[in-house]
Amino acid sequence: MVDTIPSYEEMMPAVLKVLADGEVKTLQQMYLAVSNHYGFTAEQLARTIPSGKTTYVRSRVGWAKTYMAKAGLISQPKRGVCQITQRGREALASGKPINNHYLAQFEDFNRFLSTSNEPSTTNKASSEVNISRGKGLTHQHDEAQTPTELIDIAFTALNSALADELIEQIHTLSPKFFEQLVVDLMLAMGYGGSQKDAGQATQYSSDGGVDGIIKEDKLGLDSIYLQAKRYRDNTVGRPDIQAFAGALDMHRARKGVFITTSNFSKDARDFVTRIEKRIVLIDGHELAALMIEHNVGVSTRELYAVKAIDSDYFAEE
C-alpha cells in the first residue's frame, strides 16, 4: 500500500542521515541507501505515482532532498550529487524532528515556498502545501483552501524547483552556450527575426562589452544589445552596468538587456533608472521564470486539464 511508504517530509531525517558521513553521493546512491534504511519491499519500490513516470519512493526521496536543499541542510556541488552542510549536521545534532516546521526557520526555505515575490516571514512555511503524502495534496489549513488554490500552490512549488535546476544546469555549460541561450530566449519572447539572423548578429558582437545583438522587431527597425554574465555568487554591481552603458555608446545603441544568473545590487538597479538609455536588468530568478514561460530549455512532462461546466450546453431555449 502507498500509505505504508513514508511521506517526503517523514523521509527527511533518513535522507539527511544517509549523507551524515560527509561524502558526496549521487541521487541513485541516496535512493538505494534510504530504501535499505526503510527495508522497502519489492512491491513498495515498484509502486508508481498516477502518471507512471516515477515511483512513490523515488519521488518522495527526491522531494525530501529538494526541500532540505532549499533550506541549506544539503548542498549540491554539481548536478546529480548531494552533500550534507554544516547546517545539516547541526540539524541532526539538535535531536529535533526534521520536517517542514523545522525548515521554516530558514528564510531561503520560506522564499522557495512563497507564492509571491514579497519577502517571507519565518512562520510562512508552516501554512504552505505539503506534497506527495500518499493521499494527494494536504495543507495545514485545508478548510481554508479550495482545490484550485492547492493546485496553484503546488504548481508554484514545482516551478520554483525547476527554476533552480535550470540555473544549476546553465552553470555546468560554457559561457558561449549561455550567450546563445540568451539570444534563444529573446527570440522565443518575440524579438528578432530568425535564428539565422540572431546567430549572425552574435558573431560580430563579441567585443566592446556586448554579447549579442537582436532585432527589436521582425523588420529590424531597432536593435537590442545583450550582455550575459553567468555568475554563481557574484552580485552584478553598478560598475558592470556602467561599462555596459558605455559599450552601448560605442555602438550608438539606445536599448540593452543585461542578463545574469545571479543578482543585481541596489546601486545597479538605481543606476538604470537615472540614465537616458533603456537598459533592462534580468536576474537569475527572472531568467528562469522567462525560460519556463517561453519553453526555452524545458519541455512539458504532464498536462492536467481543469474542467468546468459548459453553461451554454445546458442552456434551454
C-alpha atoms as a PDB file:
ATOM      1  CA  MET A   1       0.000   0.000   0.000  1.00  0.00           C
ATOM      2  CA  VAL A   2       1.128   3.539  -0.774  1.00  0.00           C
ATOM      3  CA  ASP A   3       0.110   4.680   2.720  1.00  0.00           C
ATOM      4  CA  THR A   4       2.838   2.458   4.184  1.00  0.00           C
ATOM      5  CA  ILE A   5       5.506   4.466   2.376  1.00  0.00           C
ATOM      6  CA  PRO A   6       6.619   7.455   4.491  1.00  0.00           C
ATOM      7  CA  SER A   7       5.815  10.897   3.116  1.00  0.00           C
ATOM      8  CA  TYR A   8       8.616  13.035   1.718  1.00  0.00           C
ATOM      9  CA  GLU A   9       8.551  15.030   4.970  1.00  0.00           C
ATOM     10  CA  GLU A  10       8.857  11.908   7.095  1.00  0.00           C
ATOM     11  CA  MET A  11      11.789  10.799   4.937  1.00  0.00           C
ATOM     12  CA  MET A  12      13.825  13.945   5.628  1.00  0.00           C
ATOM     13  CA  PRO A  13      15.750  12.571   8.655  1.00  0.00           C
ATOM     14  CA  ALA A  14      16.609   9.351   6.811  1.00  0.00           C
ATOM     15  CA  VAL A  15      17.850  11.239   3.754  1.00  0.00           C
ATOM     16  CA  LEU A  16      19.993  13.503   5.920  1.00  0.00           C
ATOM     17  CA  LYS A  17      21.429  10.565   7.899  1.00  0.00           C
ATOM     18  CA  VAL A  18      22.470   8.901   4.635  1.00  0.00           C
ATOM     19  CA  LEU A  19      24.626  11.972   3.978  1.00  0.00           C
ATOM     20  CA  ALA A  20      25.906  12.278   7.546  1.00  0.00           C
ATOM     21  CA  ASP A  21      29.336  10.838   6.684  1.00  0.00           C
ATOM     22  CA  GLY A  22      30.076  13.974   4.667  1.00  0.00           C
ATOM     23  CA  GLU A  23      30.731  12.094   1.433  1.00  0.00           C
ATOM     24  CA  VAL A  24      29.357  13.361  -1.861  1.00  0.00           C
ATOM     25  CA  LYS A  25      26.661  10.951  -3.017  1.00  0.00           C
ATOM     26  CA  THR A  26      24.744  10.608  -6.238  1.00  0.00           C
ATOM     27  CA  LEU A  27      20.964  10.643  -6.186  1.00  0.00           C
ATOM     28  CA  GLN A  28      20.963   6.935  -7.039  1.00  0.00           C
ATOM     29  CA  GLN A  29      23.232   6.134  -4.088  1.00  0.00           C
ATOM     30  CA  MET A  30      20.995   8.180  -1.812  1.00  0.00           C
ATOM     31  CA  TYR A  31      17.861   6.473  -3.124  1.00  0.00           C
ATOM     32  CA  LEU A  32      19.319   2.984  -2.541  1.00  0.00           C
ATOM     33  CA  ALA A  33      20.549   3.860   0.951  1.00  0.00           C
ATOM     34  CA  VAL A  34      17.188   5.305   2.006  1.00  0.00           C
ATOM     35  CA  SER A  35      15.397   2.260   0.572  1.00  0.00           C
ATOM     36  CA  ASN A  36      17.687  -0.016   2.589  1.00  0.00           C
ATOM     37  CA  HIS A  37      17.098   2.091   5.695  1.00  0.00           C
ATOM     38  CA  TYR A  38      13.347   1.529   5.494  1.00  0.00           C
ATOM     39  CA  GLY A  39      13.582  -2.018   4.171  1.00  0.00           C
ATOM     40  CA  PHE A  40      11.040  -1.373   1.437  1.00  0.00           C
ATOM     41  CA  THR A  41       9.586  -4.415  -0.262  1.00  0.00           C
ATOM     42  CA  ALA A  42       9.830  -5.003  -3.993  1.00  0.00           C
ATOM     43  CA  GLU A  43       6.160  -4.068  -4.297  1.00  0.00           C
ATOM     44  CA  GLN A  44       6.712  -0.770  -2.480  1.00  0.00           C
ATOM     45  CA  LEU A  45       9.734   0.075  -4.623  1.00  0.00           C
ATOM     46  CA  ALA A  46       7.805  -0.669  -7.814  1.00  0.00           C
ATOM     47  CA  ARG A  47       4.670   1.292  -6.944  1.00  0.00           C
ATOM     48  CA  THR A  48       4.368   4.263  -9.328  1.00  0.00           C
ATOM     49  CA  ILE A  49       2.605   7.588  -8.943  1.00  0.00           C
ATOM     50  CA  PRO A  50      -0.570   8.033 -11.040  1.00  0.00           C
ATOM     51  CA  SER A  51       1.294   9.396 -14.075  1.00  0.00           C
ATOM     52  CA  GLY A  52       3.504   6.300 -14.135  1.00  0.00           C
ATOM     53  CA  LYS A  53       6.586   8.469 -14.688  1.00  0.00           C
ATOM     54  CA  THR A  54       8.348   7.577 -11.449  1.00  0.00           C
ATOM     55  CA  THR A  55       7.851   5.598  -8.242  1.00  0.00           C
ATOM     56  CA  TYR A  56       6.495   6.902  -4.966  1.00  0.00           C
ATOM     57  CA  VAL A  57       9.779   6.141  -3.219  1.00  0.00           C
ATOM     58  CA  ARG A  58      11.939   7.973  -5.770  1.00  0.00           C
ATOM     59  CA  SER A  59       9.516  10.898  -5.842  1.00  0.00           C
ATOM     60  CA  ARG A  60       9.472  11.268  -2.076  1.00  0.00           C
ATOM     61  CA  VAL A  61      13.233  10.861  -1.630  1.00  0.00           C
ATOM     62  CA  GLY A  62      13.673  13.483  -4.340  1.00  0.00           C
ATOM     63  CA  TRP A  63      11.310  15.957  -2.712  1.00  0.00           C
ATOM     64  CA  ALA A  64      12.861  15.409   0.721  1.00  0.00           C
ATOM     65  CA  LYS A  65      16.231  16.214  -0.832  1.00  0.00           C
ATOM     66  CA  THR A  66      14.862  19.265  -2.647  1.00  0.00           C
ATOM     67  CA  TYR A  67      13.196  20.767   0.424  1.00  0.00           C
ATOM     68  CA  MET A  68      16.271  20.316   2.610  1.00  0.00           C
ATOM     69  CA  ALA A  69      18.489  21.717  -0.135  1.00  0.00           C
ATOM     70  CA  LYS A  70      16.291  24.828  -0.263  1.00  0.00           C
ATOM     71  CA  ALA A  71      16.718  25.189   3.500  1.00  0.00           C
ATOM     72  CA  GLY A  72      20.505  24.821   3.245  1.00  0.00           C
ATOM     73  CA  LEU A  73      20.802  21.463   5.037  1.00  0.00           C
ATOM     74  CA  ILE A  74      22.063  19.842   1.833  1.00  0.00           C
ATOM     75  CA  SER A  75      24.319  21.265  -0.852  1.00  0.00           C
ATOM     76  CA  GLN A  76      24.531  20.161  -4.482  1.00  0.00           C
ATOM     77  CA  PRO A  77      28.142  20.726  -5.585  1.00  0.00           C
ATOM     78  CA  LYS A  78      27.173  19.767  -9.111  1.00  0.00           C
ATOM     79  CA  ARG A  79      24.186  18.357 -10.916  1.00  0.00           C
ATOM     80  CA  GLY A  80      23.029  14.955  -9.671  1.00  0.00           C
ATOM     81  CA  VAL A  81      25.040  14.807  -6.436  1.00  0.00           C
ATOM     82  CA  CYS A  82      24.412  15.857  -2.814  1.00  0.00           C
ATOM     83  CA  GLN A  83      26.411  16.541   0.336  1.00  0.00           C
ATOM     84  CA  ILE A  84      25.446  17.464   3.881  1.00  0.00           C
ATOM     85  CA  THR A  85      26.216  21.026   5.022  1.00  0.00           C
ATOM     86  CA  GLN A  86      27.153  22.367   8.435  1.00  0.00           C
ATOM     87  CA  ARG A  87      23.531  23.414   8.854  1.00  0.00           C
ATOM     88  CA  GLY A  88      22.526  19.831   8.114  1.00  0.00           C
ATOM     89  CA  ARG A  89      24.950  18.488  10.719  1.00  0.00           C
ATOM     90  CA  GLU A  90      23.511  20.903  13.259  1.00  0.00           C
ATOM     91  CA  ALA A  91      20.006  19.704  12.413  1.00  0.00           C
ATOM     92  CA  LEU A  92      20.958  16.085  13.111  1.00  0.00           C
ATOM     93  CA  ALA A  93      22.775  17.030  16.307  1.00  0.00           C
ATOM     94  CA  SER A  94      19.829  19.079  17.594  1.00  0.00           C
ATOM     95  CA  GLY A  95      17.691  15.989  18.135  1.00  0.00           C
ATOM     96  CA  LYS A  96      14.672  17.929  16.883  1.00  0.00           C
ATOM     97  CA  PRO A  97      12.254  16.457  14.315  1.00  0.00           C
ATOM     98  CA  ILE A  98      13.446  17.433  10.846  1.00  0.00           C
ATOM     99  CA  ASN A  99      10.364  18.417   8.895  1.00  0.00           C
ATOM    100  CA  ASN A 100       8.813  21.447   7.201  1.00  0.00           C
ATOM    101  CA  HIS A 101       8.241  23.111  10.564  1.00  0.00           C
ATOM    102  CA  TYR A 102      11.965  22.808  11.329  1.00  0.00           C
ATOM    103  CA  LEU A 103      12.925  24.079   7.860  1.00  0.00           C
ATOM    104  CA  ALA A 104      10.604  27.083   8.257  1.00  0.00           C
ATOM    105  CA  GLN A 105      13.192  28.826  10.459  1.00  0.00           C
ATOM    106  CA  PHE A 106      15.338  29.407   7.356  1.00  0.00           C
ATOM    107  CA  GLU A 107      14.448  32.312   5.081  1.00  0.00           C
ATOM    108  CA  ASP A 108      15.695  30.561   1.934  1.00  0.00           C
ATOM    109  CA  PHE A 109      13.180  27.783   2.513  1.00  0.00           C
ATOM    110  CA  ASN A 110      10.325  30.218   3.040  1.00  0.00           C
ATOM    111  CA  ARG A 111      11.300  32.077  -0.121  1.00  0.00           C
ATOM    112  CA  PHE A 112      11.206  28.791  -2.042  1.00  0.00           C
ATOM    113  CA  LEU A 113       7.695  28.042  -0.833  1.00  0.00           C
ATOM    114  CA  SER A 114       6.398  31.568  -1.140  1.00  0.00           C
ATOM    115  CA  THR A 115       3.677  32.104  -3.733  1.00  0.00           C
ATOM    116  CA  SER A 116       4.609  35.759  -4.128  1.00  0.00           C
ATOM    117  CA  ASN A 117       7.781  37.757  -4.723  1.00  0.00           C
ATOM    118  CA  GLU A 118       7.446  39.524  -1.387  1.00  0.00           C
ATOM    119  CA  PRO A 119       9.867  38.732   1.457  1.00  0.00           C
ATOM    120  CA  SER A 120       8.713  35.776   3.517  1.00  0.00           C
ATOM    121  CA  THR A 121       8.382  35.545   7.263  1.00  0.00           C
ATOM    122  CA  THR A 122       9.774  32.685   9.262  1.00  0.00           C
ATOM    123  CA  ASN A 123       6.277  31.453  10.021  1.00  0.00           C
ATOM    124  CA  LYS A 124       5.080  31.379   6.440  1.00  0.00           C
ATOM    125  CA  ALA A 125       6.139  27.845   5.605  1.00  0.00           C
ATOM    126  CA  SER A 126       4.019  26.454   8.404  1.00  0.00           C
ATOM    127  CA  SER A 127       0.940  27.175   6.294  1.00  0.00           C
ATOM    128  CA  GLU A 128       2.338  26.010   2.960  1.00  0.00           C
ATOM    129  CA  VAL A 129       1.426  22.969   0.978  1.00  0.00           C
ATOM    130  CA  ASN A 130       2.824  19.505   1.629  1.00  0.00           C
ATOM    131  CA  ILE A 131       3.173  17.380  -1.487  1.00  0.00           C
ATOM    132  CA  SER A 132       3.226  13.616  -2.039  1.00  0.00           C
ATOM    133  CA  ARG A 133       1.971  12.385   1.309  1.00  0.00           C
ATOM    134  CA  GLY A 134       0.229   9.480  -0.392  1.00  0.00           C
ATOM    135  CA  LYS A 135      -3.267  10.944  -0.214  1.00  0.00           C
ATOM    136  CA  GLY A 136      -2.825  13.776  -2.657  1.00  0.00           C
ATOM    137  CA  LEU A 137      -2.175  17.373  -1.654  1.00  0.00           C
ATOM    138  CA  THR A 138      -2.523  18.204   2.019  1.00  0.00           C
ATOM    139  CA  HIS A 139      -2.346  21.517   3.818  1.00  0.00           C
ATOM    140  CA  GLN A 140      -2.374  22.587   7.426  1.00  0.00           C
ATOM    141  CA  HIS A 141      -5.330  24.841   6.630  1.00  0.00           C
ATOM    142  CA  ASP A 142      -7.223  22.629   4.192  1.00  0.00           C
ATOM    143  CA  GLU A 143     -10.547  24.039   5.313  1.00  0.00           C
ATOM    144  CA  ALA A 144      -9.468  27.494   4.099  1.00  0.00           C
ATOM    145  CA  GLN A 145      -8.038  26.336   0.790  1.00  0.00           C
ATOM    146  CA  THR A 146     -10.009  25.421  -2.305  1.00  0.00           C
ATOM    147  CA  PRO A 147      -8.726  22.589  -4.537  1.00  0.00           C
ATOM    148  CA  THR A 148      -7.846  25.212  -7.159  1.00  0.00           C
ATOM    149  CA  GLU A 149      -5.722  27.105  -4.623  1.00  0.00           C
ATOM    150  CA  LEU A 150      -3.917  23.911  -3.610  1.00  0.00           C
ATOM    151  CA  ILE A 151      -3.143  23.129  -7.244  1.00  0.00           C
ATOM    152  CA  ASP A 152      -1.818  26.655  -7.728  1.00  0.00           C
ATOM    153  CA  ILE A 153       0.444  26.386  -4.662  1.00  0.00           C
ATOM    154  CA  ALA A 154       1.787  23.028  -5.817  1.00  0.00           C
ATOM    155  CA  PHE A 155       2.347  24.379  -9.331  1.00  0.00           C
ATOM    156  CA  THR A 156       4.325  27.290  -7.899  1.00  0.00           C
ATOM    157  CA  ALA A 157       6.500  24.953  -5.805  1.00  0.00           C
ATOM    158  CA  LEU A 158       7.200  22.740  -8.826  1.00  0.00           C
ATOM    159  CA  ASN A 159       8.184  25.713 -10.964  1.00  0.00           C
ATOM    160  CA  SER A 160      10.373  27.099  -8.188  1.00  0.00           C
ATOM    161  CA  ALA A 161      12.294  23.821  -8.010  1.00  0.00           C
ATOM    162  CA  LEU A 162      12.532  23.731 -11.814  1.00  0.00           C
ATOM    163  CA  ALA A 163      13.872  27.283 -11.861  1.00  0.00           C
ATOM    164  CA  ASP A 164      16.720  26.341  -9.518  1.00  0.00           C
ATOM    165  CA  GLU A 165      17.509  23.285 -11.653  1.00  0.00           C
ATOM    166  CA  LEU A 166      17.652  25.479 -14.772  1.00  0.00           C
ATOM    167  CA  ILE A 167      20.177  27.864 -13.216  1.00  0.00           C
ATOM    168  CA  GLU A 168      22.292  24.946 -11.977  1.00  0.00           C
ATOM    169  CA  GLN A 169      22.214  23.401 -15.457  1.00  0.00           C
ATOM    170  CA  ILE A 170      23.352  26.692 -17.014  1.00  0.00           C
ATOM    171  CA  HIS A 171      26.367  26.741 -14.681  1.00  0.00           C
ATOM    172  CA  THR A 172      27.506  23.333 -15.976  1.00  0.00           C
ATOM    173  CA  LEU A 173      27.746  24.610 -19.561  1.00  0.00           C
ATOM    174  CA  SER A 174      30.084  27.005 -21.346  1.00  0.00           C
ATOM    175  CA  PRO A 175      29.776  30.819 -21.396  1.00  0.00           C
ATOM    176  CA  LYS A 176      29.271  30.570 -25.170  1.00  0.00           C
ATOM    177  CA  PHE A 177      26.237  28.327 -24.610  1.00  0.00           C
ATOM    178  CA  PHE A 178      24.812  30.843 -22.138  1.00  0.00           C
ATOM    179  CA  GLU A 179      25.201  33.679 -24.624  1.00  0.00           C
ATOM    180  CA  GLN A 180      23.316  31.649 -27.234  1.00  0.00           C
ATOM    181  CA  LEU A 181      20.663  30.760 -24.652  1.00  0.00           C
ATOM    182  CA  VAL A 182      20.061  34.471 -24.074  1.00  0.00           C
ATOM    183  CA  VAL A 183      19.538  35.008 -27.812  1.00  0.00           C
ATOM    184  CA  ASP A 184      17.220  31.967 -27.971  1.00  0.00           C
ATOM    185  CA  LEU A 185      15.170  33.387 -25.106  1.00  0.00           C
ATOM    186  CA  MET A 186      14.809  36.764 -26.797  1.00  0.00           C
ATOM    187  CA  LEU A 187      13.638  35.044 -29.970  1.00  0.00           C
ATOM    188  CA  ALA A 188      11.144  32.952 -28.011  1.00  0.00           C
ATOM    189  CA  MET A 189       9.799  36.161 -26.462  1.00  0.00           C
ATOM    190  CA  GLY A 190       9.030  37.508 -29.926  1.00  0.00           C
ATOM    191  CA  TYR A 191      12.046  39.704 -30.605  1.00  0.00           C
ATOM    192  CA  GLY A 192      14.218  39.460 -33.696  1.00  0.00           C
ATOM    193  CA  GLY A 193      13.645  37.782 -36.992  1.00  0.00           C
ATOM    194  CA  SER A 194      15.072  34.300 -37.359  1.00  0.00           C
ATOM    195  CA  GLN A 195      17.595  32.151 -35.534  1.00  0.00           C
ATOM    196  CA  LYS A 196      19.928  32.616 -38.500  1.00  0.00           C
ATOM    197  CA  ASP A 197      19.776  36.408 -38.212  1.00  0.00           C
ATOM    198  CA  ALA A 198      20.350  36.297 -34.465  1.00  0.00           C
ATOM    199  CA  GLY A 199      23.293  33.921 -34.887  1.00  0.00           C
ATOM    200  CA  GLN A 200      24.954  36.211 -37.378  1.00  0.00           C
ATOM    201  CA  ALA A 201      24.477  39.109 -35.004  1.00  0.00           C
ATOM    202  CA  THR A 202      26.284  37.355 -32.150  1.00  0.00           C
ATOM    203  CA  GLN A 203      29.281  36.515 -34.342  1.00  0.00           C
ATOM    204  CA  TYR A 204      30.395  40.104 -34.748  1.00  0.00           C
ATOM    205  CA  SER A 205      29.250  41.446 -31.406  1.00  0.00           C
ATOM    206  CA  SER A 206      31.691  39.693 -29.099  1.00  0.00           C
ATOM    207  CA  ASP A 207      33.746  42.850 -28.486  1.00  0.00           C
ATOM    208  CA  GLY A 208      33.049  46.073 -26.674  1.00  0.00           C
ATOM    209  CA  GLY A 209      31.155  44.501 -23.791  1.00  0.00           C
ATOM    210  CA  VAL A 210      28.288  43.216 -25.941  1.00  0.00           C
ATOM    211  CA  ASP A 211      27.474  39.511 -26.210  1.00  0.00           C
ATOM    212  CA  GLY A 212      24.630  39.659 -28.693  1.00  0.00           C
ATOM    213  CA  ILE A 213      22.538  41.895 -30.887  1.00  0.00           C
ATOM    214  CA  ILE A 214      18.973  41.096 -31.774  1.00  0.00           C
ATOM    215  CA  LYS A 215      16.317  42.930 -33.740  1.00  0.00           C
ATOM    216  CA  GLU A 216      13.599  44.501 -31.622  1.00  0.00           C
ATOM    217  CA  ASP A 217      11.063  43.520 -34.280  1.00  0.00           C
ATOM    218  CA  LYS A 218      10.967  41.366 -37.408  1.00  0.00           C
ATOM    219  CA  LEU A 219      11.549  44.384 -39.656  1.00  0.00           C
ATOM    220  CA  GLY A 220      14.722  45.316 -37.801  1.00  0.00           C
ATOM    221  CA  LEU A 221      13.636  48.918 -37.192  1.00  0.00           C
ATOM    222  CA  ASP A 222      15.684  48.959 -33.987  1.00  0.00           C
ATOM    223  CA  SER A 223      18.186  46.681 -32.261  1.00  0.00           C
ATOM    224  CA  ILE A 224      18.581  45.459 -28.689  1.00  0.00           C
ATOM    225  CA  TYR A 225      22.105  44.817 -27.410  1.00  0.00           C
ATOM    226  CA  LEU A 226      22.649  41.960 -24.992  1.00  0.00           C
ATOM    227  CA  GLN A 227      25.103  41.313 -22.168  1.00  0.00           C
ATOM    228  CA  ALA A 228      25.160  37.914 -20.430  1.00  0.00           C
ATOM    229  CA  LYS A 229      27.039  37.225 -17.186  1.00  0.00           C
ATOM    230  CA  ARG A 230      26.996  33.689 -15.839  1.00  0.00           C
ATOM    231  CA  TYR A 231      27.750  34.330 -12.170  1.00  0.00           C
ATOM    232  CA  ARG A 232      27.001  31.905  -9.352  1.00  0.00           C
ATOM    233  CA  ASP A 233      27.541  34.071  -6.274  1.00  0.00           C
ATOM    234  CA  ASN A 234      28.888  37.414  -7.527  1.00  0.00           C
ATOM    235  CA  THR A 235      26.347  40.214  -7.433  1.00  0.00           C
ATOM    236  CA  VAL A 236      26.383  42.401 -10.528  1.00  0.00           C
ATOM    237  CA  GLY A 237      27.146  45.915  -9.350  1.00  0.00           C
ATOM    238  CA  ARG A 238      26.881  49.402 -10.768  1.00  0.00           C
ATOM    239  CA  PRO A 239      30.354  49.344 -12.421  1.00  0.00           C
ATOM    240  CA  ASP A 240      29.270  46.394 -14.614  1.00  0.00           C
ATOM    241  CA  ILE A 241      26.145  48.249 -15.727  1.00  0.00           C
ATOM    242  CA  GLN A 242      28.105  51.455 -16.350  1.00  0.00           C
ATOM    243  CA  ALA A 243      30.533  49.511 -18.533  1.00  0.00           C
ATOM    244  CA  PHE A 244      27.611  48.042 -20.486  1.00  0.00           C
ATOM    245  CA  ALA A 245      26.123  51.521 -20.936  1.00  0.00           C
ATOM    246  CA  GLY A 246      29.497  52.656 -22.282  1.00  0.00           C
ATOM    247  CA  ALA A 247      29.508  49.727 -24.706  1.00  0.00           C
ATOM    248  CA  LEU A 248      26.101  50.853 -25.953  1.00  0.00           C
ATOM    249  CA  ASP A 249      27.598  54.286 -26.651  1.00  0.00           C
ATOM    250  CA  MET A 250      30.290  52.647 -28.801  1.00  0.00           C
ATOM    251  CA  HIS A 251      27.570  51.022 -30.908  1.00  0.00           C
ATOM    252  CA  ARG A 252      25.351  54.131 -30.877  1.00  0.00           C
ATOM    253  CA  ALA A 253      22.689  51.983 -29.277  1.00  0.00           C
ATOM    254  CA  ARG A 254      19.801  53.124 -27.098  1.00  0.00           C
ATOM    255  CA  LYS A 255      18.460  49.834 -25.754  1.00  0.00           C
ATOM    256  CA  GLY A 256      20.095  46.956 -23.913  1.00  0.00           C
ATOM    257  CA  VAL A 257      19.298  43.904 -21.837  1.00  0.00           C
ATOM    258  CA  PHE A 258      21.724  42.725 -19.139  1.00  0.00           C
ATOM    259  CA  ILE A 259      21.079  39.151 -18.024  1.00  0.00           C
ATOM    260  CA  THR A 260      22.804  37.324 -15.181  1.00  0.00           C
ATOM    261  CA  THR A 261      22.314  34.052 -13.344  1.00  0.00           C
ATOM    262  CA  SER A 262      22.987  35.825 -10.029  1.00  0.00           C
ATOM    263  CA  ASN A 263      21.566  39.129  -8.753  1.00  0.00           C
ATOM    264  CA  PHE A 264      21.921  42.876  -9.218  1.00  0.00           C
ATOM    265  CA  SER A 265      22.898  45.270  -6.455  1.00  0.00           C
ATOM    266  CA  LYS A 266      20.577  48.099  -5.426  1.00  0.00           C
ATOM    267  CA  ASP A 267      23.050  50.606  -6.866  1.00  0.00           C
ATOM    268  CA  ALA A 268      22.963  48.809 -10.219  1.00  0.00           C
ATOM    269  CA  ARG A 269      19.163  48.920 -10.328  1.00  0.00           C
ATOM    270  CA  ASP A 270      19.111  52.566  -9.273  1.00  0.00           C
ATOM    271  CA  PHE A 271      21.647  53.456 -11.971  1.00  0.00           C
ATOM    272  CA  VAL A 272      19.490  52.224 -14.875  1.00  0.00           C
ATOM    273  CA  THR A 273      16.623  54.444 -13.705  1.00  0.00           C
ATOM    274  CA  ARG A 274      18.801  57.549 -13.921  1.00  0.00           C
ATOM    275  CA  ILE A 275      20.207  57.249 -17.419  1.00  0.00           C
ATOM    276  CA  GLU A 276      18.673  58.122 -20.755  1.00  0.00           C
ATOM    277  CA  LYS A 277      19.345  54.710 -22.286  1.00  0.00           C
ATOM    278  CA  ARG A 278      16.812  51.972 -21.725  1.00  0.00           C
ATOM    279  CA  ILE A 279      18.605  49.060 -20.011  1.00  0.00           C
ATOM    280  CA  VAL A 280      16.543  46.161 -18.684  1.00  0.00           C
ATOM    281  CA  LEU A 281      18.076  44.028 -15.917  1.00  0.00           C
ATOM    282  CA  ILE A 282      17.122  40.342 -15.689  1.00  0.00           C
ATOM    283  CA  ASP A 283      18.462  38.402 -12.692  1.00  0.00           C
ATOM    284  CA  GLY A 284      18.640  34.640 -12.230  1.00  0.00           C
ATOM    285  CA  HIS A 285      15.142  34.346 -10.770  1.00  0.00           C
ATOM    286  CA  GLU A 286      13.601  36.305 -13.638  1.00  0.00           C
ATOM    287  CA  LEU A 287      15.710  34.467 -16.224  1.00  0.00           C
ATOM    288  CA  ALA A 288      14.495  31.056 -15.067  1.00  0.00           C
ATOM    289  CA  ALA A 289      10.883  32.268 -14.924  1.00  0.00           C
ATOM    290  CA  LEU A 290      11.096  33.564 -18.507  1.00  0.00           C
ATOM    291  CA  MET A 291      12.676  30.316 -19.709  1.00  0.00           C
ATOM    292  CA  ILE A 292       9.813  28.340 -18.166  1.00  0.00           C
ATOM    293  CA  GLU A 293       7.157  30.706 -19.508  1.00  0.00           C
ATOM    294  CA  HIS A 294       8.556  30.649 -23.058  1.00  0.00           C
ATOM    295  CA  ASN A 295       9.619  26.975 -23.096  1.00  0.00           C
ATOM    296  CA  VAL A 296      13.352  27.544 -23.503  1.00  0.00           C
ATOM    297  CA  GLY A 297      15.306  24.565 -22.156  1.00  0.00           C
ATOM    298  CA  VAL A 298      12.189  22.930 -20.723  1.00  0.00           C
ATOM    299  CA  SER A 299       9.579  20.539 -22.022  1.00  0.00           C
ATOM    300  CA  THR A 300       6.095  19.646 -20.832  1.00  0.00           C
ATOM    301  CA  ARG A 301       6.026  16.446 -18.784  1.00  0.00           C
ATOM    302  CA  GLU A 302       2.376  16.327 -17.783  1.00  0.00           C
ATOM    303  CA  LEU A 303      -0.782  18.228 -18.686  1.00  0.00           C
ATOM    304  CA  TYR A 304      -3.721  18.368 -16.281  1.00  0.00           C
ATOM    305  CA  ALA A 305      -6.971  19.751 -17.691  1.00  0.00           C
ATOM    306  CA  VAL A 306      -9.111  21.539 -15.094  1.00  0.00           C
ATOM    307  CA  LYS A 307     -12.638  21.424 -16.487  1.00  0.00           C
ATOM    308  CA  ALA A 308     -15.785  23.366 -15.633  1.00  0.00           C
ATOM    309  CA  ILE A 309     -19.417  23.206 -16.565  1.00  0.00           C
ATOM    310  CA  ASP A 310     -20.215  24.458 -20.079  1.00  0.00           C
ATOM    311  CA  SER A 311     -23.177  26.724 -19.254  1.00  0.00           C
ATOM    312  CA  ASP A 312     -24.008  27.215 -22.943  1.00  0.00           C
ATOM    313  CA  TYR A 313     -24.553  23.480 -23.412  1.00  0.00           C
ATOM    314  CA  PHE A 314     -27.074  23.296 -20.578  1.00  0.00           C
ATOM    315  CA  ALA A 315     -28.997  26.430 -21.575  1.00  0.00           C
ATOM    316  CA  GLU A 316     -32.510  25.530 -22.673  1.00  0.00           C
ATOM    317  CA  GLU A 317     -34.273  27.761 -25.155  1.00  0.00           C
END
